[in-house]
């Protein structure tokens, strides 16, 4: 769906910053809403969605357990 959203979990990403998480959330909201930038009357809803999705993404990344390193040639889960 959002090809420019990169994988943010280990072992695919070593250092994930708040900016990385926010950029992924922004891409998602842009894709779902169909707006690159919202009109003024939609800005609050758009920005709120980005914030909620960024928090959910951070929570997800904090809670994921990576049990074994990905072996060469193995399909991504």
PDB file of N, CA and C in Angstrom:
ATOM      1  N   UNK A   1       0.828  -1.192   0.000  1.00  0.00           N
ATOM      2  CA  UNK A   1       0.000   0.000   0.000  1.00  0.00           C
ATOM      3  C   UNK A   1       0.869   1.251   0.000  1.00  0.00           C
ATOM      4  N   UNK A   2       1.688   1.427   1.011  1.00  0.00           N
ATOM      5  CA  UNK A   2       2.549   2.603   1.098  1.00  0.00           C
ATOM      6  C   UNK A   2       3.986   2.158   0.901  1.00  0.00           C
ATOM      7  N   UNK A   3       4.402   2.089  -0.305  1.00  0.00           N
ATOM      8  CA  UNK A   3       5.720   1.533  -0.608  1.00  0.00           C
ATOM      9  C   UNK A   3       6.862   2.342  -0.037  1.00  0.00           C
ATOM     10  N   UNK A   4       6.658   3.630   0.241  1.00  0.00           N
ATOM     11  CA  UNK A   4       7.752   4.436   0.758  1.00  0.00           C
ATOM     12  C   UNK A   4       7.871   4.364   2.278  1.00  0.00           C
ATOM     13  N   UNK A   5       6.986   3.610   2.937  1.00  0.00           N
ATOM     14  CA  UNK A   5       7.128   3.405   4.371  1.00  0.00           C
ATOM     15  C   UNK A   5       8.115   2.265   4.556  1.00  0.00           C
ATOM     16  N   UNK A   6       9.207   2.549   5.255  1.00  0.00           N
ATOM     17  CA  UNK A   6      10.224   1.516   5.440  1.00  0.00           C
ATOM     18  C   UNK A   6       9.951   0.730   6.723  1.00  0.00           C
ATOM     19  N   UNK A   7      10.472  -0.469   6.786  1.00  0.00           N
ATOM     20  CA  UNK A   7      10.355  -1.302   7.972  1.00  0.00           C
ATOM     21  C   UNK A   7      11.173  -0.671   9.093  1.00  0.00           C
ATOM     22  N   UNK A   8      10.553  -0.533  10.260  1.00  0.00           N
ATOM     23  CA  UNK A   8      11.210   0.156  11.370  1.00  0.00           C
ATOM     24  C   UNK A   8      11.626  -0.769  12.510  1.00  0.00           C
ATOM     25  N   UNK A   9      11.420  -2.075  12.364  1.00  0.00           N
ATOM     26  CA  UNK A   9      11.783  -2.977  13.456  1.00  0.00           C
ATOM     27  C   UNK A   9      13.123  -3.649  13.177  1.00  0.00           C
ATOM     28  N   UNK A  10      13.725  -4.057  14.275  1.00  0.00           N
ATOM     29  CA  UNK A  10      14.965  -4.821  14.163  1.00  0.00           C
ATOM     30  C   UNK A  10      14.650  -6.156  13.504  1.00  0.00           C
ATOM     31  N   UNK A  11      15.497  -6.736  12.745  1.00  0.00           N
ATOM     32  CA  UNK A  11      16.857  -6.323  12.424  1.00  0.00           C
ATOM     33  C   UNK A  11      16.944  -5.429  11.187  1.00  0.00           C
ATOM     34  N   UNK A  12      15.827  -4.990  10.680  1.00  0.00           N
ATOM     35  CA  UNK A  12      15.815  -4.182   9.454  1.00  0.00           C
ATOM     36  C   UNK A  12      16.235  -2.739   9.687  1.00  0.00           C
ATOM     37  N   UNK A  13      16.074  -2.259  10.902  1.00  0.00           N
ATOM     38  CA  UNK A  13      16.445  -0.880  11.227  1.00  0.00           C
ATOM     39  C   UNK A  13      17.205  -0.892  12.549  1.00  0.00           C
ATOM     40  N   UNK A  14      18.341  -0.262  12.580  1.00  0.00           N
ATOM     41  CA  UNK A  14      19.155  -0.216  13.795  1.00  0.00           C
ATOM     42  C   UNK A  14      18.718   0.911  14.721  1.00  0.00           C
ATOM     43  N   UNK A  15      18.684   2.111  14.199  1.00  0.00           N
ATOM     44  CA  UNK A  15      18.342   3.295  14.975  1.00  0.00           C
ATOM     45  C   UNK A  15      17.054   3.890  14.426  1.00  0.00           C
ATOM     46  N   UNK A  16      15.957   3.764  15.153  1.00  0.00           N
ATOM     47  CA  UNK A  16      14.683   4.331  14.720  1.00  0.00           C
ATOM     48  C   UNK A  16      14.416   5.564  15.567  1.00  0.00           C
ATOM     49  N   UNK A  17      14.266   6.695  14.904  1.00  0.00           N
ATOM     50  CA  UNK A  17      14.036   7.951  15.607  1.00  0.00           C
ATOM     51  C   UNK A  17      12.550   8.310  15.602  1.00  0.00           C
ATOM     52  N   UNK A  18      12.200   9.288  16.416  1.00  0.00           N
ATOM     53  CA  UNK A  18      10.826   9.802  16.413  1.00  0.00           C
ATOM     54  C   UNK A  18      10.482  10.353  15.027  1.00  0.00           C
ATOM     55  N   UNK A  19      11.465  10.933  14.363  1.00  0.00           N
ATOM     56  CA  UNK A  19      11.235  11.453  13.013  1.00  0.00           C
ATOM     57  C   UNK A  19      10.900  10.329  12.037  1.00  0.00           C
ATOM     58  N   UNK A  20      11.554   9.176  12.176  1.00  0.00           N
ATOM     59  CA  UNK A  20      11.248   8.022  11.325  1.00  0.00           C
ATOM     60  C   UNK A  20       9.812   7.550  11.541  1.00  0.00           C
ATOM     61  N   UNK A  21       9.410   7.473  12.798  1.00  0.00           N
ATOM     62  CA  UNK A  21       8.060   7.018  13.143  1.00  0.00           C
ATOM     63  C   UNK A  21       7.032   8.022  12.622  1.00  0.00           C
ATOM     64  N   UNK A  22       7.287   9.311  12.809  1.00  0.00           N
ATOM     65  CA  UNK A  22       6.352  10.330  12.345  1.00  0.00           C
ATOM     66  C   UNK A  22       6.258  10.332  10.823  1.00  0.00           C
ATOM     67  N   UNK A  23       7.386  10.145  10.141  1.00  0.00           N
ATOM     68  CA  UNK A  23       7.371  10.106   8.672  1.00  0.00           C
ATOM     69  C   UNK A  23       6.532   8.946   8.162  1.00  0.00           C
ATOM     70  N   UNK A  24       6.630   7.790   8.811  1.00  0.00           N
ATOM     71  CA  UNK A  24       5.821   6.641   8.414  1.00  0.00           C
ATOM     72  C   UNK A  24       4.337   6.920   8.660  1.00  0.00           C
ATOM     73  N   UNK A  25       4.020   7.525   9.799  1.00  0.00           N
ATOM     74  CA  UNK A  25       2.630   7.873  10.120  1.00  0.00           C
ATOM     75  C   UNK A  25       2.083   8.884   9.114  1.00  0.00           C
ATOM     76  N   UNK A  26       2.886   9.854   8.758  1.00  0.00           N
ATOM     77  CA  UNK A  26       2.470  10.865   7.790  1.00  0.00           C
ATOM     78  C   UNK A  26       2.191  10.239   6.428  1.00  0.00           C
ATOM     79  N   UNK A  27       3.069   9.334   5.985  1.00  0.00           N
ATOM     80  CA  UNK A  27       2.849   8.649   4.707  1.00  0.00           C
ATOM     81  C   UNK A  27       1.550   7.863   4.726  1.00  0.00           C
ATOM     82  N   UNK A  28       1.289   7.186   5.831  1.00  0.00           N
ATOM     83  CA  UNK A  28       0.061   6.400   5.963  1.00  0.00           C
ATOM     84  C   UNK A  28      -1.175   7.301   5.869  1.00  0.00           C
ATOM     85  N   UNK A  29      -1.175   8.392   6.627  1.00  0.00           N
ATOM     86  CA  UNK A  29      -2.327   9.306   6.615  1.00  0.00           C
ATOM     87  C   UNK A  29      -2.501   9.927   5.234  1.00  0.00           C
ATOM     88  N   UNK A  30      -1.411  10.282   4.587  1.00  0.00           N
ATOM     89  CA  UNK A  30      -1.512  10.823   3.225  1.00  0.00           C
ATOM     90  C   UNK A  30      -2.154   9.820   2.283  1.00  0.00           C
ATOM     91  N   UNK A  31      -1.720   8.567   2.381  1.00  0.00           N
ATOM     92  CA  UNK A  31      -2.242   7.526   1.494  1.00  0.00           C
ATOM     93  C   UNK A  31      -3.727   7.285   1.749  1.00  0.00           C
ATOM     94  N   UNK A  32      -4.090   7.129   3.008  1.00  0.00           N
ATOM     95  CA  UNK A  32      -5.469   6.822   3.365  1.00  0.00           C
ATOM     96  C   UNK A  32      -6.405   7.989   3.040  1.00  0.00           C
ATOM     97  N   UNK A  33      -5.962   9.216   3.320  1.00  0.00           N
ATOM     98  CA  UNK A  33      -6.822  10.385   3.107  1.00  0.00           C
ATOM     99  C   UNK A  33      -6.855  10.833   1.652  1.00  0.00           C
ATOM    100  N   UNK A  34      -5.799  10.521   0.915  1.00  0.00           N
ATOM    101  CA  UNK A  34      -5.711  10.997  -0.458  1.00  0.00           C
ATOM    102  C   UNK A  34      -5.214  12.432  -0.570  1.00  0.00           C
ATOM    103  N   UNK A  35      -4.768  12.997   0.553  1.00  0.00           N
ATOM    104  CA  UNK A  35      -4.252  14.369   0.568  1.00  0.00           C
ATOM    105  C   UNK A  35      -2.766  14.371   0.899  1.00  0.00           C
ATOM    106  N   UNK A  36      -1.989  15.084   0.101  1.00  0.00           N
ATOM    107  CA  UNK A  36      -0.581  15.279   0.456  1.00  0.00           C
ATOM    108  C   UNK A  36      -0.492  16.246   1.627  1.00  0.00           C
ATOM    109  N   UNK A  37      -1.277  17.301   1.560  1.00  0.00           N
ATOM    110  CA  UNK A  37      -1.398  18.272   2.651  1.00  0.00           C
ATOM    111  C   UNK A  37      -2.876  18.634   2.733  1.00  0.00           C
ATOM    112  N   UNK A  38      -3.432  18.660   3.930  1.00  0.00           N
ATOM    113  CA  UNK A  38      -4.860  18.925   4.046  1.00  0.00           C
ATOM    114  C   UNK A  38      -5.184  20.408   3.892  1.00  0.00           C
ATOM    115  N   UNK A  39      -6.421  20.683   3.509  1.00  0.00           N
ATOM    116  CA  UNK A  39      -6.917  22.062   3.517  1.00  0.00           C
ATOM    117  C   UNK A  39      -7.012  22.504   4.980  1.00  0.00           C
ATOM    118  N   UNK A  40      -7.057  23.782   5.192  1.00  0.00           N
ATOM    119  CA  UNK A  40      -7.077  24.332   6.549  1.00  0.00           C
ATOM    120  C   UNK A  40      -8.190  23.715   7.397  1.00  0.00           C
ATOM    121  N   UNK A  41      -9.352  23.493   6.795  1.00  0.00           N
ATOM    122  CA  UNK A  41     -10.470  22.958   7.575  1.00  0.00           C
ATOM    123  C   UNK A  41     -10.297  21.475   7.927  1.00  0.00           C
ATOM    124  N   UNK A  42      -9.327  20.805   7.340  1.00  0.00           N
ATOM    125  CA  UNK A  42      -9.041  19.401   7.662  1.00  0.00           C
ATOM    126  C   UNK A  42      -7.716  19.209   8.398  1.00  0.00           C
ATOM    127  N   UNK A  43      -6.986  20.281   8.627  1.00  0.00           N
ATOM    128  CA  UNK A  43      -5.644  20.180   9.206  1.00  0.00           C
ATOM    129  C   UNK A  43      -5.651  19.550  10.598  1.00  0.00           C
ATOM    130  N   UNK A  44      -6.609  19.905  11.430  1.00  0.00           N
ATOM    131  CA  UNK A  44      -6.648  19.362  12.789  1.00  0.00           C
ATOM    132  C   UNK A  44      -6.868  17.848  12.767  1.00  0.00           C
ATOM    133  N   UNK A  45      -7.797  17.388  11.942  1.00  0.00           N
ATOM    134  CA  UNK A  45      -8.066  15.953  11.836  1.00  0.00           C
ATOM    135  C   UNK A  45      -6.844  15.225  11.271  1.00  0.00           C
ATOM    136  N   UNK A  46      -6.224  15.783  10.246  1.00  0.00           N
ATOM    137  CA  UNK A  46      -5.056  15.191   9.593  1.00  0.00           C
ATOM    138  C   UNK A  46      -3.896  15.085  10.582  1.00  0.00           C
ATOM    139  N   UNK A  47      -3.578  16.204  11.245  1.00  0.00           N
ATOM    140  CA  UNK A  47      -2.465  16.220  12.198  1.00  0.00           C
ATOM    141  C   UNK A  47      -2.736  15.311  13.393  1.00  0.00           C
ATOM    142  N   UNK A  48      -3.992  15.269  13.839  1.00  0.00           N
ATOM    143  CA  UNK A  48      -4.350  14.382  14.944  1.00  0.00           C
ATOM    144  C   UNK A  48      -4.170  12.928  14.573  1.00  0.00           C
ATOM    145  N   UNK A  49      -4.543  12.583  13.357  1.00  0.00           N
ATOM    146  CA  UNK A  49      -4.376  11.205  12.893  1.00  0.00           C
ATOM    147  C   UNK A  49      -2.899  10.834  12.825  1.00  0.00           C
ATOM    148  N   UNK A  50      -2.077  11.732  12.338  1.00  0.00           N
ATOM    149  CA  UNK A  50      -0.629  11.470  12.281  1.00  0.00           C
ATOM    150  C   UNK A  50      -0.100  11.212  13.690  1.00  0.00           C
ATOM    151  N   UNK A  51      -0.517  12.013  14.655  1.00  0.00           N
ATOM    152  CA  UNK A  51      -0.043  11.857  16.037  1.00  0.00           C
ATOM    153  C   UNK A  51      -0.488  10.521  16.634  1.00  0.00           C
ATOM    154  N   UNK A  52      -1.749  10.164  16.424  1.00  0.00           N
ATOM    155  CA  UNK A  52      -2.271   8.904  16.964  1.00  0.00           C
ATOM    156  C   UNK A  52      -1.547   7.712  16.339  1.00  0.00           C
ATOM    157  N   UNK A  53      -1.347   7.747  15.040  1.00  0.00           N
ATOM    158  CA  UNK A  53      -0.686   6.637  14.351  1.00  0.00           C
ATOM    159  C   UNK A  53       0.785   6.556  14.754  1.00  0.00           C
ATOM    160  N   UNK A  54       1.436   7.690  14.939  1.00  0.00           N
ATOM    161  CA  UNK A  54       2.828   7.674  15.396  1.00  0.00           C
ATOM    162  C   UNK A  54       2.929   7.049  16.785  1.00  0.00           C
ATOM    163  N   UNK A  55       2.006   7.390  17.693  1.00  0.00           N
ATOM    164  CA  UNK A  55       2.019   6.785  19.029  1.00  0.00           C
ATOM    165  C   UNK A  55       1.774   5.285  18.953  1.00  0.00           C
ATOM    166  N   UNK A  56       0.811   4.876  18.135  1.00  0.00           N
ATOM    167  CA  UNK A  56       0.515   3.443  17.986  1.00  0.00           C
ATOM    168  C   UNK A  56       1.716   2.706  17.400  1.00  0.00           C
ATOM    169  N   UNK A  57       2.400   3.334  16.461  1.00  0.00           N
ATOM    170  CA  UNK A  57       3.584   2.728  15.849  1.00  0.00           C
ATOM    171  C   UNK A  57       4.698   2.573  16.871  1.00  0.00           C
ATOM    172  N   UNK A  58       4.931   3.604  17.658  1.00  0.00           N
ATOM    173  CA  UNK A  58       5.960   3.527  18.706  1.00  0.00           C
ATOM    174  C   UNK A  58       5.625   2.435  19.707  1.00  0.00           C
ATOM    175  N   UNK A  59       4.360   2.352  20.103  1.00  0.00           N
ATOM    176  CA  UNK A  59       3.918   1.318  21.036  1.00  0.00           C
ATOM    177  C   UNK A  59       4.150  -0.074  20.448  1.00  0.00           C
ATOM    178  N   UNK A  60       3.780  -0.244  19.190  1.00  0.00           N
ATOM    179  CA  UNK A  60       3.986  -1.530  18.522  1.00  0.00           C
ATOM    180  C   UNK A  60       5.459  -1.906  18.513  1.00  0.00           C
ATOM    181  N   UNK A  61       6.319  -0.990  18.097  1.00  0.00           N
ATOM    182  CA  UNK A  61       7.750  -1.276  18.021  1.00  0.00           C
ATOM    183  C   UNK A  61       8.330  -1.586  19.392  1.00  0.00           C
ATOM    184  N   UNK A  62       7.850  -0.899  20.433  1.00  0.00           N
ATOM    185  CA  UNK A  62       8.332  -1.143  21.791  1.00  0.00           C
ATOM    186  C   UNK A  62       7.926  -2.525  22.302  1.00  0.00           C
ATOM    187  N   UNK A  63       6.795  -3.025  21.842  1.00  0.00           N
ATOM    188  CA  UNK A  63       6.260  -4.282  22.355  1.00  0.00           C
ATOM    189  C   UNK A  63       6.633  -5.516  21.541  1.00  0.00           C
ATOM    190  N   UNK A  64       7.119  -5.331  20.326  1.00  0.00           N
ATOM    191  CA  UNK A  64       7.478  -6.479  19.491  1.00  0.00           C
ATOM    192  C   UNK A  64       8.672  -7.224  20.071  1.00  0.00           C
ATOM    193  N   UNK A  65       8.625  -8.548  19.992  1.00  0.00           N
ATOM    194  CA  UNK A  65       9.749  -9.394  20.370  1.00  0.00           C
ATOM    195  C   UNK A  65      10.314 -10.026  19.112  1.00  0.00           C
ATOM    196  N   UNK A  66      11.581  -9.825  18.885  1.00  0.00           N
ATOM    197  CA  UNK A  66      12.255 -10.474  17.758  1.00  0.00           C
ATOM    198  C   UNK A  66      13.027 -11.629  18.369  1.00  0.00           C
ATOM    199  N   UNK A  67      12.575 -12.835  18.064  1.00  0.00           N
ATOM    200  CA  UNK A  67      13.133 -14.017  18.726  1.00  0.00           C
ATOM    201  C   UNK A  67      14.361 -14.582  18.040  1.00  0.00           C
ATOM    202  N   UNK A  68      14.443 -14.460  16.747  1.00  0.00           N
ATOM    203  CA  UNK A  68      15.597 -15.009  16.034  1.00  0.00           C
ATOM    204  C   UNK A  68      15.919 -14.092  14.864  1.00  0.00           C
ATOM    205  N   UNK A  69      17.193 -13.955  14.561  1.00  0.00           N
ATOM    206  CA  UNK A  69      17.545 -13.140  13.400  1.00  0.00           C
ATOM    207  C   UNK A  69      17.017 -13.789  12.124  1.00  0.00           C
ATOM    208  N   UNK A  70      16.691 -12.960  11.167  1.00  0.00           N
ATOM    209  CA  UNK A  70      16.199 -13.447   9.878  1.00  0.00           C
ATOM    210  C   UNK A  70      17.333 -14.136   9.147  1.00  0.00           C
ATOM    211  N   UNK A  71      17.103 -15.353   8.687  1.00  0.00           N
ATOM    212  CA  UNK A  71      18.138 -16.071   7.947  1.00  0.00           C
ATOM    213  C   UNK A  71      18.063 -15.677   6.482  1.00  0.00           C
ATOM    214  N   UNK A  72      19.163 -15.806   5.793  1.00  0.00           N
ATOM    215  CA  UNK A  72      19.236 -15.451   4.372  1.00  0.00           C
ATOM    216  C   UNK A  72      18.243 -16.291   3.596  1.00  0.00           C
ATOM    217  N   UNK A  73      17.486 -15.638   2.764  1.00  0.00           N
ATOM    218  CA  UNK A  73      16.545 -16.317   1.902  1.00  0.00           C
ATOM    219  C   UNK A  73      15.213 -16.629   2.535  1.00  0.00           C
ATOM    220  N   UNK A  74      15.056 -16.363   3.824  1.00  0.00           N
ATOM    221  CA  UNK A  74      13.787 -16.646   4.488  1.00  0.00           C
ATOM    222  C   UNK A  74      12.778 -15.561   4.155  1.00  0.00           C
ATOM    223  N   UNK A  75      11.524 -15.922   3.977  1.00  0.00           N
ATOM    224  CA  UNK A  75      10.509 -14.923   3.675  1.00  0.00           C
ATOM    225  C   UNK A  75      10.269 -14.022   4.875  1.00  0.00           C
ATOM    226  N   UNK A  76       9.954 -12.759   4.607  1.00  0.00           N
ATOM    227  CA  UNK A  76       9.679 -11.793   5.663  1.00  0.00           C
ATOM    228  C   UNK A  76       8.305 -12.070   6.251  1.00  0.00           C
ATOM    229  N   UNK A  77       8.225 -11.996   7.567  1.00  0.00           N
ATOM    230  CA  UNK A  77       6.946 -12.238   8.263  1.00  0.00           C
ATOM    231  C   UNK A  77       6.061 -11.018   8.236  1.00  0.00           C
TER     232      UNK A  77
END
